[in-house]
Amino acid sequence: MAALSIQTIAITGIVPSYSAASGGGDTFVCSTDRTYLHVKNGGGSPITVTVVTPGEAAPGVAIADVAVSVSNGSEKIIGPFYAALYQDSTGTAAVTYSAVTSVTIGAFKLGQ
């Protein structure tokens, strides 16, 4: 599991960077309601990207994880991820993938 660096999108633009998706999943700091993931699936099959929702709607009532299908040869921007729903006790959110071959990911947040 790798920690993705959050890249801040600014009015002057950024040059985005992407990491290979980790087989055991990845984490990202989820301290703002302006955080997004950009997933690129260069593989030959669709994948499912799942972001864990550790919170509860009420005691004992789990909130369903977010599962997003990314077709082969395509990409998706997923989010925003609201800190109150997605961050765990360490302030990070966890993301897993059904497959990681030729899959890259970047974590972004909107600047002020």
PDB file of N, CA and C in Angstrom:
ATOM      1  N   MET A   1       0.861  -1.168   0.000  1.00  0.00           N
ATOM      2  CA  MET A   1       0.000   0.000   0.000  1.00  0.00           C
ATOM      3  C   MET A   1       0.902   1.224   0.000  1.00  0.00           C
ATOM      4  N   ALA A   2       0.698   2.091  -0.980  1.00  0.00           N
ATOM      5  CA  ALA A   2       1.499   3.306  -1.092  1.00  0.00           C
ATOM      6  C   ALA A   2       0.656   4.525  -0.749  1.00  0.00           C
ATOM      7  N   ALA A   3       1.319   5.545  -0.222  1.00  0.00           N
ATOM      8  CA  ALA A   3       0.649   6.813   0.072  1.00  0.00           C
ATOM      9  C   ALA A   3       0.791   7.722  -1.136  1.00  0.00           C
ATOM     10  N   LEU A   4      -0.328   8.096  -1.729  1.00  0.00           N
ATOM     11  CA  LEU A   4      -0.321   8.996  -2.877  1.00  0.00           C
ATOM     12  C   LEU A   4      -0.109  10.431  -2.402  1.00  0.00           C
ATOM     13  N   SER A   5       0.733  11.172  -3.090  1.00  0.00           N
ATOM     14  CA  SER A   5       0.933  12.587  -2.777  1.00  0.00           C
ATOM     15  C   SER A   5      -0.210  13.388  -3.392  1.00  0.00           C
ATOM     16  N   ILE A   6      -0.760  14.293  -2.610  1.00  0.00           N
ATOM     17  CA  ILE A   6      -1.836  15.151  -3.102  1.00  0.00           C
ATOM     18  C   ILE A   6      -1.225  16.302  -3.896  1.00  0.00           C
ATOM     19  N   GLN A   7      -1.731  16.515  -5.091  1.00  0.00           N
ATOM     20  CA  GLN A   7      -1.273  17.596  -5.953  1.00  0.00           C
ATOM     21  C   GLN A   7      -2.350  18.680  -5.972  1.00  0.00           C
ATOM     22  N   THR A   8      -1.947  19.915  -5.708  1.00  0.00           N
ATOM     23  CA  THR A   8      -2.903  21.017  -5.644  1.00  0.00           C
ATOM     24  C   THR A   8      -3.047  21.672  -7.008  1.00  0.00           C
ATOM     25  N   ILE A   9      -4.277  21.734  -7.490  1.00  0.00           N
ATOM     26  CA  ILE A   9      -4.586  22.371  -8.762  1.00  0.00           C
ATOM     27  C   ILE A   9      -4.667  23.882  -8.531  1.00  0.00           C
ATOM     28  N   ALA A  10      -3.858  24.629  -9.259  1.00  0.00           N
ATOM     29  CA  ALA A  10      -3.791  26.081  -9.088  1.00  0.00           C
ATOM     30  C   ALA A  10      -4.268  26.788 -10.350  1.00  0.00           C
ATOM     31  N   ILE A  11      -4.588  28.063 -10.207  1.00  0.00           N
ATOM     32  CA  ILE A  11      -5.046  28.869 -11.335  1.00  0.00           C
ATOM     33  C   ILE A  11      -3.983  28.939 -12.425  1.00  0.00           C
ATOM     34  N   THR A  12      -2.722  28.821 -12.037  1.00  0.00           N
ATOM     35  CA  THR A  12      -1.628  28.871 -13.005  1.00  0.00           C
ATOM     36  C   THR A  12      -1.353  27.512 -13.641  1.00  0.00           C
ATOM     37  N   GLY A  13      -2.096  26.497 -13.208  1.00  0.00           N
ATOM     38  CA  GLY A  13      -1.952  25.160 -13.771  1.00  0.00           C
ATOM     39  C   GLY A  13      -0.914  24.325 -13.041  1.00  0.00           C
ATOM     40  N   ILE A  14      -0.939  23.033 -13.303  1.00  0.00           N
ATOM     41  CA  ILE A  14       0.056  22.105 -12.761  1.00  0.00           C
ATOM     42  C   ILE A  14       0.409  21.099 -13.851  1.00  0.00           C
ATOM     43  N   VAL A  15       1.546  20.472 -13.668  1.00  0.00           N
ATOM     44  CA  VAL A  15       1.915  19.336 -14.507  1.00  0.00           C
ATOM     45  C   VAL A  15       1.625  18.110 -13.640  1.00  0.00           C
ATOM     46  N   PRO A  16       0.541  17.389 -13.922  1.00  0.00           N
ATOM     47  CA  PRO A  16       0.154  16.282 -13.050  1.00  0.00           C
ATOM     48  C   PRO A  16       1.131  15.121 -13.151  1.00  0.00           C
ATOM     49  N   SER A  17       1.263  14.409 -12.040  1.00  0.00           N
ATOM     50  CA  SER A  17       2.075  13.191 -12.051  1.00  0.00           C
ATOM     51  C   SER A  17       1.202  12.031 -11.581  1.00  0.00           C
ATOM     52  N   TYR A  18       1.555  10.856 -12.046  1.00  0.00           N
ATOM     53  CA  TYR A  18       0.768   9.658 -11.760  1.00  0.00           C
ATOM     54  C   TYR A  18       1.690   8.553 -11.271  1.00  0.00           C
ATOM     55  N   SER A  19       1.143   7.685 -10.428  1.00  0.00           N
ATOM     56  CA  SER A  19       1.875   6.539  -9.893  1.00  0.00           C
ATOM     57  C   SER A  19       1.196   5.262 -10.355  1.00  0.00           C
ATOM     58  N   ALA A  20       1.973   4.205 -10.422  1.00  0.00           N
ATOM     59  CA  ALA A  20       1.380   2.901 -10.701  1.00  0.00           C
ATOM     60  C   ALA A  20       0.494   2.509  -9.520  1.00  0.00           C
ATOM     61  N   ALA A  21      -0.685   1.996  -9.795  1.00  0.00           N
ATOM     62  CA  ALA A  21      -1.576   1.533  -8.736  1.00  0.00           C
ATOM     63  C   ALA A  21      -0.926   0.358  -8.019  1.00  0.00           C
ATOM     64  N   SER A  22      -0.997   0.359  -6.697  1.00  0.00           N
ATOM     65  CA  SER A  22      -0.386  -0.701  -5.890  1.00  0.00           C
ATOM     66  C   SER A  22      -1.332  -1.888  -5.743  1.00  0.00           C
ATOM     67  N   GLY A  23      -0.775  -3.079  -5.844  1.00  0.00           N
ATOM     68  CA  GLY A  23      -1.581  -4.291  -5.736  1.00  0.00           C
ATOM     69  C   GLY A  23      -2.356  -4.399  -4.430  1.00  0.00           C
ATOM     70  N   GLY A  24      -1.801  -3.896  -3.350  1.00  0.00           N
ATOM     71  CA  GLY A  24      -2.484  -3.937  -2.060  1.00  0.00           C
ATOM     72  C   GLY A  24      -3.329  -2.716  -1.792  1.00  0.00           C
ATOM     73  N   GLY A  25      -3.429  -1.826  -2.784  1.00  0.00           N
ATOM     74  CA  GLY A  25      -4.200  -0.607  -2.629  1.00  0.00           C
ATOM     75  C   GLY A  25      -3.308   0.577  -2.289  1.00  0.00           C
ATOM     76  N   ASP A  26      -3.899   1.736  -2.216  1.00  0.00           N
ATOM     77  CA  ASP A  26      -3.186   2.975  -1.919  1.00  0.00           C
ATOM     78  C   ASP A  26      -3.974   3.775  -0.898  1.00  0.00           C
ATOM     79  N   THR A  27      -3.321   4.795  -0.339  1.00  0.00           N
ATOM     80  CA  THR A  27      -3.994   5.724   0.568  1.00  0.00           C
ATOM     81  C   THR A  27      -3.715   7.145   0.090  1.00  0.00           C
ATOM     82  N   PHE A  28      -4.566   8.065   0.529  1.00  0.00           N
ATOM     83  CA  PHE A  28      -4.328   9.477   0.261  1.00  0.00           C
ATOM     84  C   PHE A  28      -4.898  10.294   1.404  1.00  0.00           C
ATOM     85  N   VAL A  29      -4.252  11.436   1.677  1.00  0.00           N
ATOM     86  CA  VAL A  29      -4.725  12.315   2.737  1.00  0.00           C
ATOM     87  C   VAL A  29      -6.063  12.896   2.303  1.00  0.00           C
ATOM     88  N   CYS A  30      -7.022  12.790   3.183  1.00  0.00           N
ATOM     89  CA  CYS A  30      -8.385  13.248   2.876  1.00  0.00           C
ATOM     90  C   CYS A  30      -8.777  14.284   3.930  1.00  0.00           C
ATOM     91  N   SER A  31      -8.156  15.468   3.845  1.00  0.00           N
ATOM     92  CA  SER A  31      -8.384  16.494   4.862  1.00  0.00           C
ATOM     93  C   SER A  31      -9.246  17.643   4.366  1.00  0.00           C
ATOM     94  N   THR A  32      -9.692  17.545   3.136  1.00  0.00           N
ATOM     95  CA  THR A  32     -10.519  18.608   2.556  1.00  0.00           C
ATOM     96  C   THR A  32     -11.638  17.967   1.742  1.00  0.00           C
ATOM     97  N   ASP A  33     -12.676  18.710   1.493  1.00  0.00           N
ATOM     98  CA  ASP A  33     -13.786  18.202   0.681  1.00  0.00           C
ATOM     99  C   ASP A  33     -13.551  18.452  -0.804  1.00  0.00           C
ATOM    100  N   ARG A  34     -12.312  18.770  -1.168  1.00  0.00           N
ATOM    101  CA  ARG A  34     -11.979  19.110  -2.552  1.00  0.00           C
ATOM    102  C   ARG A  34     -10.966  18.133  -3.139  1.00  0.00           C
ATOM    103  N   THR A  35     -10.964  16.899  -2.660  1.00  0.00           N
ATOM    104  CA  THR A  35      -9.981  15.907  -3.095  1.00  0.00           C
ATOM    105  C   THR A  35     -10.600  14.971  -4.136  1.00  0.00           C
ATOM    106  N   TYR A  36      -9.828  14.698  -5.179  1.00  0.00           N
ATOM    107  CA  TYR A  36     -10.266  13.861  -6.294  1.00  0.00           C
ATOM    108  C   TYR A  36      -9.178  12.850  -6.642  1.00  0.00           C
ATOM    109  N   LEU A  37      -9.581  11.770  -7.287  1.00  0.00           N
ATOM    110  CA  LEU A  37      -8.637  10.814  -7.851  1.00  0.00           C
ATOM    111  C   LEU A  37      -8.805  10.803  -9.363  1.00  0.00           C
ATOM    112  N   HIS A  38      -7.705  10.661 -10.075  1.00  0.00           N
ATOM    113  CA  HIS A  38      -7.736  10.516 -11.533  1.00  0.00           C
ATOM    114  C   HIS A  38      -7.103   9.165 -11.831  1.00  0.00           C
ATOM    115  N   VAL A  39      -7.915   8.238 -12.310  1.00  0.00           N
ATOM    116  CA  VAL A  39      -7.473   6.874 -12.581  1.00  0.00           C
ATOM    117  C   VAL A  39      -7.425   6.649 -14.083  1.00  0.00           C
ATOM    118  N   LYS A  40      -6.291   6.121 -14.542  1.00  0.00           N
ATOM    119  CA  LYS A  40      -6.117   5.797 -15.960  1.00  0.00           C
ATOM    120  C   LYS A  40      -5.926   4.285 -16.077  1.00  0.00           C
ATOM    121  N   ASN A  41      -6.795   3.652 -16.844  1.00  0.00           N
ATOM    122  CA  ASN A  41      -6.724   2.209 -17.043  1.00  0.00           C
ATOM    123  C   ASN A  41      -6.198   1.921 -18.442  1.00  0.00           C
ATOM    124  N   GLY A  42      -4.908   1.641 -18.533  1.00  0.00           N
ATOM    125  CA  GLY A  42      -4.300   1.307 -19.812  1.00  0.00           C
ATOM    126  C   GLY A  42      -4.334  -0.179 -20.098  1.00  0.00           C
ATOM    127  N   GLY A  43      -4.988  -0.947 -19.238  1.00  0.00           N
ATOM    128  CA  GLY A  43      -5.053  -2.399 -19.392  1.00  0.00           C
ATOM    129  C   GLY A  43      -6.086  -2.827 -20.418  1.00  0.00           C
ATOM    130  N   GLY A  44      -6.159  -4.129 -20.635  1.00  0.00           N
ATOM    131  CA  GLY A  44      -7.053  -4.686 -21.638  1.00  0.00           C
ATOM    132  C   GLY A  44      -8.428  -5.051 -21.126  1.00  0.00           C
ATOM    133  N   SER A  45      -8.672  -4.860 -19.824  1.00  0.00           N
ATOM    134  CA  SER A  45      -9.973  -5.202 -19.235  1.00  0.00           C
ATOM    135  C   SER A  45     -10.440  -4.080 -18.322  1.00  0.00           C
ATOM    136  N   PRO A  46     -11.746  -3.973 -18.108  1.00  0.00           N
ATOM    137  CA  PRO A  46     -12.244  -2.980 -17.158  1.00  0.00           C
ATOM    138  C   PRO A  46     -11.776  -3.321 -15.748  1.00  0.00           C
ATOM    139  N   ILE A  47     -11.677  -2.309 -14.902  1.00  0.00           N
ATOM    140  CA  ILE A  47     -11.340  -2.514 -13.494  1.00  0.00           C
ATOM    141  C   ILE A  47     -12.383  -1.825 -12.632  1.00  0.00           C
ATOM    142  N   THR A  48     -12.398  -2.181 -11.365  1.00  0.00           N
ATOM    143  CA  THR A  48     -13.220  -1.492 -10.384  1.00  0.00           C
ATOM    144  C   THR A  48     -12.299  -0.838  -9.369  1.00  0.00           C
ATOM    145  N   VAL A  49     -12.506   0.450  -9.156  1.00  0.00           N
ATOM    146  CA  VAL A  49     -11.772   1.214  -8.154  1.00  0.00           C
ATOM    147  C   VAL A  49     -12.716   1.391  -6.973  1.00  0.00           C
ATOM    148  N   THR A  50     -12.271   0.995  -5.785  1.00  0.00           N
ATOM    149  CA  THR A  50     -13.116   1.073  -4.597  1.00  0.00           C
ATOM    150  C   THR A  50     -12.471   1.981  -3.559  1.00  0.00           C
ATOM    151  N   VAL A  51     -13.223   2.973  -3.093  1.00  0.00           N
ATOM    152  CA  VAL A  51     -12.761   3.848  -2.023  1.00  0.00           C
ATOM    153  C   VAL A  51     -13.554   3.483  -0.775  1.00  0.00           C
ATOM    154  N   VAL A  52     -12.836   3.151   0.277  1.00  0.00           N
ATOM    155  CA  VAL A  52     -13.449   2.690   1.515  1.00  0.00           C
ATOM    156  C   VAL A  52     -14.135   3.850   2.228  1.00  0.00           C
ATOM    157  N   THR A  53     -15.323   3.597   2.716  1.00  0.00           N
ATOM    158  CA  THR A  53     -16.064   4.567   3.523  1.00  0.00           C
ATOM    159  C   THR A  53     -16.109   4.011   4.948  1.00  0.00           C
ATOM    160  N   PRO A  54     -15.175   4.478   5.825  1.00  0.00           N
ATOM    161  CA  PRO A  54     -15.097   3.891   7.159  1.00  0.00           C
ATOM    162  C   PRO A  54     -16.180   4.353   8.119  1.00  0.00           C
ATOM    163  N   GLY A  55     -16.897   5.412   7.785  1.00  0.00           N
ATOM    164  CA  GLY A  55     -17.905   5.953   8.696  1.00  0.00           C
ATOM    165  C   GLY A  55     -19.179   5.134   8.742  1.00  0.00           C
ATOM    166  N   GLU A  56     -20.054   5.535   9.641  1.00  0.00           N
ATOM    167  CA  GLU A  56     -21.357   4.885   9.782  1.00  0.00           C
ATOM    168  C   GLU A  56     -22.456   5.929   9.668  1.00  0.00           C
ATOM    169  N   ALA A  57     -23.558   5.544   9.052  1.00  0.00           N
ATOM    170  CA  ALA A  57     -24.712   6.430   8.943  1.00  0.00           C
ATOM    171  C   ALA A  57     -25.366   6.596  10.316  1.00  0.00           C
ATOM    172  N   ALA A  58     -25.318   5.535  11.078  1.00  0.00           N
ATOM    173  CA  ALA A  58     -25.799   5.492  12.450  1.00  0.00           C
ATOM    174  C   ALA A  58     -25.023   4.359  13.114  1.00  0.00           C
ATOM    175  N   PRO A  59     -24.998   4.289  14.420  1.00  0.00           N
ATOM    176  CA  PRO A  59     -24.246   3.217  15.069  1.00  0.00           C
ATOM    177  C   PRO A  59     -24.635   1.836  14.520  1.00  0.00           C
ATOM    178  N   GLY A  60     -23.645   1.146  13.999  1.00  0.00           N
ATOM    179  CA  GLY A  60     -23.873  -0.193  13.459  1.00  0.00           C
ATOM    180  C   GLY A  60     -24.394  -0.234  12.039  1.00  0.00           C
ATOM    181  N   VAL A  61     -24.610   0.928  11.423  1.00  0.00           N
ATOM    182  CA  VAL A  61     -25.123   0.990  10.054  1.00  0.00           C
ATOM    183  C   VAL A  61     -24.021   1.552   9.153  1.00  0.00           C
ATOM    184  N   ALA A  62     -23.363   0.665   8.430  1.00  0.00           N
ATOM    185  CA  ALA A  62     -22.242   1.072   7.583  1.00  0.00           C
ATOM    186  C   ALA A  62     -22.714   1.862   6.373  1.00  0.00           C
ATOM    187  N   ILE A  63     -21.842   2.746   5.902  1.00  0.00           N
ATOM    188  CA  ILE A  63     -22.068   3.458   4.644  1.00  0.00           C
ATOM    189  C   ILE A  63     -21.347   2.650   3.574  1.00  0.00           C
ATOM    190  N   ALA A  64     -22.010   2.385   2.472  1.00  0.00           N
ATOM    191  CA  ALA A  64     -21.418   1.569   1.411  1.00  0.00           C
ATOM    192  C   ALA A  64     -20.167   2.225   0.844  1.00  0.00           C
ATOM    193  N   ASP A  65     -19.155   1.408   0.554  1.00  0.00           N
ATOM    194  CA  ASP A  65     -17.959   1.895  -0.120  1.00  0.00           C
ATOM    195  C   ASP A  65     -18.334   2.379  -1.515  1.00  0.00           C
ATOM    196  N   VAL A  66     -17.521   3.270  -2.070  1.00  0.00           N
ATOM    197  CA  VAL A  66     -17.739   3.769  -3.420  1.00  0.00           C
ATOM    198  C   VAL A  66     -16.975   2.874  -4.383  1.00  0.00           C
ATOM    199  N   ALA A  67     -17.683   2.246  -5.325  1.00  0.00           N
ATOM    200  CA  ALA A  67     -17.065   1.379  -6.327  1.00  0.00           C
ATOM    201  C   ALA A  67     -17.352   1.950  -7.702  1.00  0.00           C
ATOM    202  N   VAL A  68     -16.281   2.240  -8.450  1.00  0.00           N
ATOM    203  CA  VAL A  68     -16.408   2.882  -9.757  1.00  0.00           C
ATOM    204  C   VAL A  68     -15.729   2.015 -10.806  1.00  0.00           C
ATOM    205  N   SER A  69     -16.435   1.725 -11.878  1.00  0.00           N
ATOM    206  CA  SER A  69     -15.874   0.954 -12.988  1.00  0.00           C
ATOM    207  C   SER A  69     -15.135   1.890 -13.935  1.00  0.00           C
ATOM    208  N   VAL A  70     -13.917   1.475 -14.310  1.00  0.00           N
ATOM    209  CA  VAL A  70     -13.132   2.229 -15.293  1.00  0.00           C
ATOM    210  C   VAL A  70     -12.873   1.282 -16.461  1.00  0.00           C
ATOM    211  N   SER A  71     -13.440   1.591 -17.589  1.00  0.00           N
ATOM    212  CA  SER A  71     -13.310   0.738 -18.776  1.00  0.00           C
ATOM    213  C   SER A  71     -11.857   0.639 -19.218  1.00  0.00           C
ATOM    214  N   ASN A  72     -11.549  -0.464 -19.910  1.00  0.00           N
ATOM    215  CA  ASN A  72     -10.201  -0.625 -20.440  1.00  0.00           C
ATOM    216  C   ASN A  72      -9.914   0.481 -21.450  1.00  0.00           C
ATOM    217  N   GLY A  73      -8.684   0.995 -21.395  1.00  0.00           N
ATOM    218  CA  GLY A  73      -8.269   2.042 -22.309  1.00  0.00           C
ATOM    219  C   GLY A  73      -8.888   3.398 -22.028  1.00  0.00           C
ATOM    220  N   SER A  74      -9.460   3.594 -20.843  1.00  0.00           N
ATOM    221  CA  SER A  74     -10.087   4.881 -20.532  1.00  0.00           C
ATOM    222  C   SER A  74      -9.615   5.386 -19.176  1.00  0.00           C
ATOM    223  N   GLU A  75     -10.172   6.496 -18.773  1.00  0.00           N
ATOM    224  CA  GLU A  75      -9.812   7.094 -17.493  1.00  0.00           C
ATOM    225  C   GLU A  75     -11.028   7.755 -16.882  1.00  0.00           C
ATOM    226  N   LYS A  76     -10.978   7.950 -15.548  1.00  0.00           N
ATOM    227  CA  LYS A  76     -12.064   8.630 -14.845  1.00  0.00           C
ATOM    228  C   LYS A  76     -11.489   9.498 -13.741  1.00  0.00           C
ATOM    229  N   ILE A  77     -12.157  10.620 -13.531  1.00  0.00           N
ATOM    230  CA  ILE A  77     -11.889  11.451 -12.367  1.00  0.00           C
ATOM    231  C   ILE A  77     -13.000  11.143 -11.376  1.00  0.00           C
ATOM    232  N   ILE A  78     -12.609  10.766 -10.167  1.00  0.00           N
ATOM    233  CA  ILE A  78     -13.555  10.291  -9.160  1.00  0.00           C
ATOM    234  C   ILE A  78     -13.488  11.216  -7.939  1.00  0.00           C
ATOM    235  N   GLY A  79     -14.633  11.627  -7.437  1.00  0.00           N
ATOM    236  CA  GLY A  79     -14.670  12.468  -6.254  1.00  0.00           C
ATOM    237  C   GLY A  79     -15.727  13.540  -6.426  1.00  0.00           C
ATOM    238  N   PRO A  80     -15.822  14.479  -5.529  1.00  0.00           N
ATOM    239  CA  PRO A  80     -14.907  14.738  -4.422  1.00  0.00           C
ATOM    240  C   PRO A  80     -15.142  13.794  -3.253  1.00  0.00           C
ATOM    241  N   PHE A  81     -14.102  13.655  -2.450  1.00  0.00           N
ATOM    242  CA  PHE A  81     -14.159  12.808  -1.269  1.00  0.00           C
ATOM    243  C   PHE A  81     -14.241  13.689  -0.033  1.00  0.00           C
ATOM    244  N   TYR A  82     -15.383  13.672   0.616  1.00  0.00           N
ATOM    245  CA  TYR A  82     -15.620  14.492   1.790  1.00  0.00           C
ATOM    246  C   TYR A  82     -14.912  13.888   2.995  1.00  0.00           C
ATOM    247  N   ALA A  83     -14.088  14.686   3.630  1.00  0.00           N
ATOM    248  CA  ALA A  83     -13.269  14.212   4.745  1.00  0.00           C
ATOM    249  C   ALA A  83     -14.103  13.516   5.822  1.00  0.00           C
ATOM    250  N   ALA A  84     -15.239  14.073   6.158  1.00  0.00           N
ATOM    251  CA  ALA A  84     -16.068  13.498   7.224  1.00  0.00           C
ATOM    252  C   ALA A  84     -16.533  12.076   6.908  1.00  0.00           C
ATOM    253  N   LEU A  85     -16.616  11.726   5.634  1.00  0.00           N
ATOM    254  CA  LEU A  85     -17.074  10.394   5.245  1.00  0.00           C
ATOM    255  C   LEU A  85     -15.946   9.414   4.947  1.00  0.00           C
ATOM    256  N   TYR A  86     -14.841   9.911   4.391  1.00  0.00           N
ATOM    257  CA  TYR A  86     -13.836   8.997   3.849  1.00  0.00           C
ATOM    258  C   TYR A  86     -12.556   8.874   4.655  1.00  0.00           C
ATOM    259  N   GLN A  87     -12.237   9.845   5.515  1.00  0.00           N
ATOM    260  CA  GLN A  87     -10.982   9.703   6.238  1.00  0.00           C
ATOM    261  C   GLN A  87     -11.145   8.753   7.418  1.00  0.00           C
ATOM    262  N   ASP A  88     -10.082   7.984   7.635  1.00  0.00           N
ATOM    263  CA  ASP A  88     -10.080   7.077   8.778  1.00  0.00           C
ATOM    264  C   ASP A  88      -9.481   7.799   9.983  1.00  0.00           C
ATOM    265  N   SER A  89      -9.165   7.081  11.034  1.00  0.00           N
ATOM    266  CA  SER A  89      -8.655   7.703  12.252  1.00  0.00           C
ATOM    267  C   SER A  89      -7.291   8.351  12.064  1.00  0.00           C
ATOM    268  N   THR A  90      -6.588   8.037  10.974  1.00  0.00           N
ATOM    269  CA  THR A  90      -5.285   8.649  10.702  1.00  0.00           C
ATOM    270  C   THR A  90      -5.389   9.814   9.727  1.00  0.00           C
ATOM    271  N   GLY A  91      -6.600  10.136   9.258  1.00  0.00           N
ATOM    272  CA  GLY A  91      -6.796  11.243   8.329  1.00  0.00           C
ATOM    273  C   GLY A  91      -6.601  10.867   6.870  1.00  0.00           C
ATOM    274  N   THR A  92      -6.486   9.576   6.604  1.00  0.00           N
ATOM    275  CA  THR A  92      -6.303   9.142   5.221  1.00  0.00           C
ATOM    276  C   THR A  92      -7.509   8.333   4.750  1.00  0.00           C
ATOM    277  N   ALA A  93      -7.615   8.223   3.443  1.00  0.00           N
ATOM    278  CA  ALA A  93      -8.638   7.394   2.816  1.00  0.00           C
ATOM    279  C   ALA A  93      -7.926   6.262   2.086  1.00  0.00           C
ATOM    280  N   ALA A  94      -8.595   5.124   1.960  1.00  0.00           N
ATOM    281  CA  ALA A  94      -8.002   3.952   1.312  1.00  0.00           C
ATOM    282  C   ALA A  94      -8.717   3.648   0.008  1.00  0.00           C
ATOM    283  N   VAL A  95      -7.925   3.291  -1.000  1.00  0.00           N
ATOM    284  CA  VAL A  95      -8.463   2.945  -2.317  1.00  0.00           C
ATOM    285  C   VAL A  95      -7.855   1.618  -2.746  1.00  0.00           C
ATOM    286  N   THR A  96      -8.696   0.741  -3.316  1.00  0.00           N
ATOM    287  CA  THR A  96      -8.223  -0.548  -3.829  1.00  0.00           C
ATOM    288  C   THR A  96      -8.665  -0.698  -5.275  1.00  0.00           C
ATOM    289  N   TYR A  97      -8.063  -1.669  -5.945  1.00  0.00           N
ATOM    290  CA  TYR A  97      -8.314  -1.890  -7.368  1.00  0.00           C
ATOM    291  C   TYR A  97      -8.551  -3.377  -7.613  1.00  0.00           C
ATOM    292  N   SER A  98      -9.439  -3.691  -8.533  1.00  0.00           N
ATOM    293  CA  SER A  98      -9.684  -5.097  -8.872  1.00  0.00           C
ATOM    294  C   SER A  98      -8.530  -5.667  -9.683  1.00  0.00           C
ATOM    295  N   ALA A  99      -7.743  -4.812 -10.330  1.00  0.00           N
ATOM    296  CA  ALA A  99      -6.541  -5.198 -11.068  1.00  0.00           C
ATOM    297  C   ALA A  99      -5.658  -3.958 -11.144  1.00  0.00           C
ATOM    298  N   VAL A 100      -4.337  -4.152 -11.287  1.00  0.00           N
ATOM    299  CA  VAL A 100      -3.440  -2.995 -11.317  1.00  0.00           C
ATOM    300  C   VAL A 100      -2.535  -2.944 -12.554  1.00  0.00           C
ATOM    301  N   THR A 101      -2.588  -3.962 -13.402  1.00  0.00           N
ATOM    302  CA  THR A 101      -1.742  -3.964 -14.589  1.00  0.00           C
ATOM    303  C   THR A 101      -2.092  -2.792 -15.495  1.00  0.00           C
ATOM    304  N   SER A 102      -1.117  -1.956 -15.766  1.00  0.00           N
ATOM    305  CA  SER A 102      -1.267  -0.773 -16.630  1.00  0.00           C
ATOM    306  C   SER A 102      -2.246   0.254 -16.074  1.00  0.00           C
ATOM    307  N   VAL A 103      -2.415   0.292 -14.746  1.00  0.00           N
ATOM    308  CA  VAL A 103      -3.292   1.260 -14.113  1.00  0.00           C
ATOM    309  C   VAL A 103      -2.428   2.295 -13.371  1.00  0.00           C
ATOM    310  N   THR A 104      -2.689   3.578 -13.642  1.00  0.00           N
ATOM    311  CA  THR A 104      -1.990   4.648 -12.936  1.00  0.00           C
ATOM    312  C   THR A 104      -3.018   5.547 -12.266  1.00  0.00           C
ATOM    313  N   ILE A 105      -2.558   6.233 -11.217  1.00  0.00           N
ATOM    314  CA  ILE A 105      -3.467   7.058 -10.423  1.00  0.00           C
ATOM    315  C   ILE A 105      -2.756   8.314  -9.945  1.00  0.00           C
ATOM    316  N   GLY A 106      -3.525   9.388  -9.852  1.00  0.00           N
ATOM    317  CA  GLY A 106      -3.051  10.642  -9.274  1.00  0.00           C
ATOM    318  C   GLY A 106      -4.107  11.157  -8.308  1.00  0.00           C
ATOM    319  N   ALA A 107      -3.658  11.800  -7.230  1.00  0.00           N
ATOM    320  CA  ALA A 107      -4.572  12.396  -6.253  1.00  0.00           C
ATOM    321  C   ALA A 107      -4.427  13.903  -6.323  1.00  0.00           C
ATOM    322  N   PHE A 108      -5.549  14.594  -6.395  1.00  0.00           N
ATOM    323  CA  PHE A 108      -5.557  16.041  -6.603  1.00  0.00           C
ATOM    324  C   PHE A 108      -6.534  16.718  -5.651  1.00  0.00           C
ATOM    325  N   LYS A 109      -6.250  17.977  -5.344  1.00  0.00           N
ATOM    326  CA  LYS A 109      -7.228  18.787  -4.633  1.00  0.00           C
ATOM    327  C   LYS A 109      -7.265  20.151  -5.281  1.00  0.00           C
ATOM    328  N   LEU A 110      -8.432  20.770  -5.225  1.00  0.00           N
ATOM    329  CA  LEU A 110      -8.592  22.109  -5.766  1.00  0.00           C
ATOM    330  C   LEU A 110      -7.943  23.104  -4.812  1.00  0.00           C
ATOM    331  N   GLY A 111      -7.183  24.047  -5.365  1.00  0.00           N
ATOM    332  CA  GLY A 111      -6.548  25.078  -4.552  1.00  0.00           C
ATOM    333  C   GLY A 111      -7.557  26.107  -4.095  1.00  0.00           C
ATOM    334  N   GLN A 112      -7.096  27.039  -3.301  1.00  0.00           N
ATOM    335  CA  GLN A 112      -7.972  28.096  -2.778  1.00  0.00           C
ATOM    336  C   GLN A 112      -8.304  29.075  -3.866  1.00  0.00           C
TER     337      GLN A 112
END
